[in-house]
Protein backbone atom coordinates (compact mmCIF):
# COMPACT_ATOMS: atom_id res chain seq x y z
CA UNK A 1 153.78 135.07 134.42
CA UNK A 2 156.26 134.65 131.57
CA UNK A 3 155.52 132.15 128.86
CA UNK A 4 157.64 128.99 128.85
CA UNK A 5 160.11 128.46 126.02
CA UNK A 6 157.79 125.97 124.28
CA UNK A 7 154.96 128.52 123.86
CA UNK A 8 154.94 131.64 121.71
CA UNK A 9 151.94 133.91 121.25
CA UNK A 10 150.78 136.48 118.74
CA UNK A 11 147.54 138.33 118.00
CA UNK A 12 145.89 135.28 116.41
CA UNK A 13 146.81 132.46 118.77
CA UNK A 14 149.76 130.41 119.96
CA UNK A 15 152.53 128.27 118.50
CA UNK A 16 153.64 125.28 120.54
CA UNK A 17 156.98 123.52 120.16
CA UNK A 18 156.43 119.82 120.75
CA UNK A 19 158.66 116.78 121.13
CA UNK A 20 156.63 113.63 120.46
CA UNK A 21 157.19 110.01 121.41
CA UNK A 22 154.93 107.80 119.28
CA UNK A 23 153.77 104.26 120.11
CA UNK A 24 153.21 105.01 123.80
CA UNK A 25 150.63 103.18 125.89
CA UNK A 26 148.46 106.32 125.97
CA UNK A 27 148.49 109.90 124.74
CA UNK A 28 149.54 112.39 127.40
CA UNK A 29 151.79 115.31 128.28
CA UNK A 30 154.88 114.05 130.09
CA UNK A 31 156.85 117.23 130.76
CA UNK A 32 159.38 119.35 128.92
CA UNK A 33 162.12 118.11 126.58
CA UNK A 34 164.65 120.92 126.02
CA UNK A 35 162.62 123.85 124.67
CA UNK A 36 159.62 121.70 123.72
CA UNK A 37 156.55 120.30 125.40
CA UNK A 38 156.97 116.49 125.62
CA UNK A 39 153.93 114.49 124.54
CA UNK A 40 153.59 110.72 124.30
CA UNK A 41 151.29 109.58 121.49
CA UNK A 42 149.45 106.27 121.40
CA UNK A 43 149.50 106.28 117.58
CA UNK A 44 152.39 104.92 115.49
CA UNK A 45 154.41 107.22 113.21
CA UNK A 46 152.93 105.62 110.09
CA UNK A 47 150.92 107.35 107.35
CA UNK A 48 150.58 110.51 109.45
CA UNK A 49 148.68 108.76 112.25
CA UNK A 50 150.85 110.27 114.99
CA UNK A 51 150.40 113.77 113.54
CA UNK A 52 146.62 113.33 113.46
CA UNK A 53 146.66 112.04 117.04
CA UNK A 54 148.73 115.07 118.12
CA UNK A 55 146.35 117.53 116.46
CA UNK A 56 143.30 115.84 117.95
CA UNK A 57 144.88 115.70 121.41
CA UNK A 58 145.90 119.38 121.38
CA UNK A 59 142.52 120.51 120.02
CA UNK A 60 140.73 118.65 122.79
CA UNK A 61 143.12 119.95 125.48
CA UNK A 62 142.80 123.54 124.22
CA UNK A 63 139.02 123.21 123.73
CA UNK A 64 139.07 124.34 120.11
CA UNK A 65 137.96 122.63 116.88
CA UNK A 66 140.56 120.46 115.15
CA UNK A 67 140.44 122.89 112.23
CA UNK A 68 141.98 125.54 114.54
CA UNK A 69 145.08 123.40 115.12
CA UNK A 70 147.64 122.81 112.38
CA UNK A 71 151.08 121.28 112.12
CA UNK A 72 153.36 123.99 110.74
CA UNK A 73 156.74 122.25 110.97
CA UNK A 74 158.16 118.80 111.61
CA UNK A 75 155.84 116.61 109.56
CA UNK A 76 158.23 113.64 109.76
CA UNK A 77 160.26 114.65 112.82
CA UNK A 78 159.85 114.10 116.55
CA UNK A 79 160.36 117.86 116.95
CA UNK A 80 157.25 119.68 115.72
CA UNK A 81 155.66 123.13 115.78
CA UNK A 82 151.90 123.31 116.07
CA UNK A 83 149.81 126.45 115.57
CA UNK A 84 146.50 126.93 117.42
CA UNK A 85 144.40 129.90 116.37
CA UNK A 86 141.88 131.51 118.66
CA UNK A 87 143.74 130.43 121.81
CA UNK A 88 144.95 132.86 124.46
CA UNK A 89 148.42 132.18 125.95
CA UNK A 90 147.05 131.95 129.51
CA UNK A 91 144.47 129.37 128.44
CA UNK A 92 147.14 127.35 126.63
CA UNK A 93 149.37 127.40 129.70
CA UNK A 94 146.53 126.29 131.95
CA UNK A 95 145.57 123.45 129.61
CA UNK A 96 149.02 122.21 128.61
CA UNK A 97 151.43 122.89 131.45
CA UNK A 98 153.14 119.69 132.57
CA UNK A 99 151.78 118.43 135.85
CA UNK A 100 148.29 119.91 135.47
């Protein structure tokens, strides 16, 4: 199966394009927004809290340590790119696909 537009893979892991909506009632994947995975975050976009919530949420969903997940672009934007090392594309798809 082909990877969706929000997921790119290389030899070391995957990069995920994310569109976040902070200050939601709970943290969850809500679908796809353009070429990005849409995620609602319970944390506010203050002092990096939303970014920390995103990293924690993705690490838990991908079953990797938080140290394996890093924000590589979009520190202050709703559009972000997150890198997860040690994750296979198929595992990422199974864990993060909207509706699963």
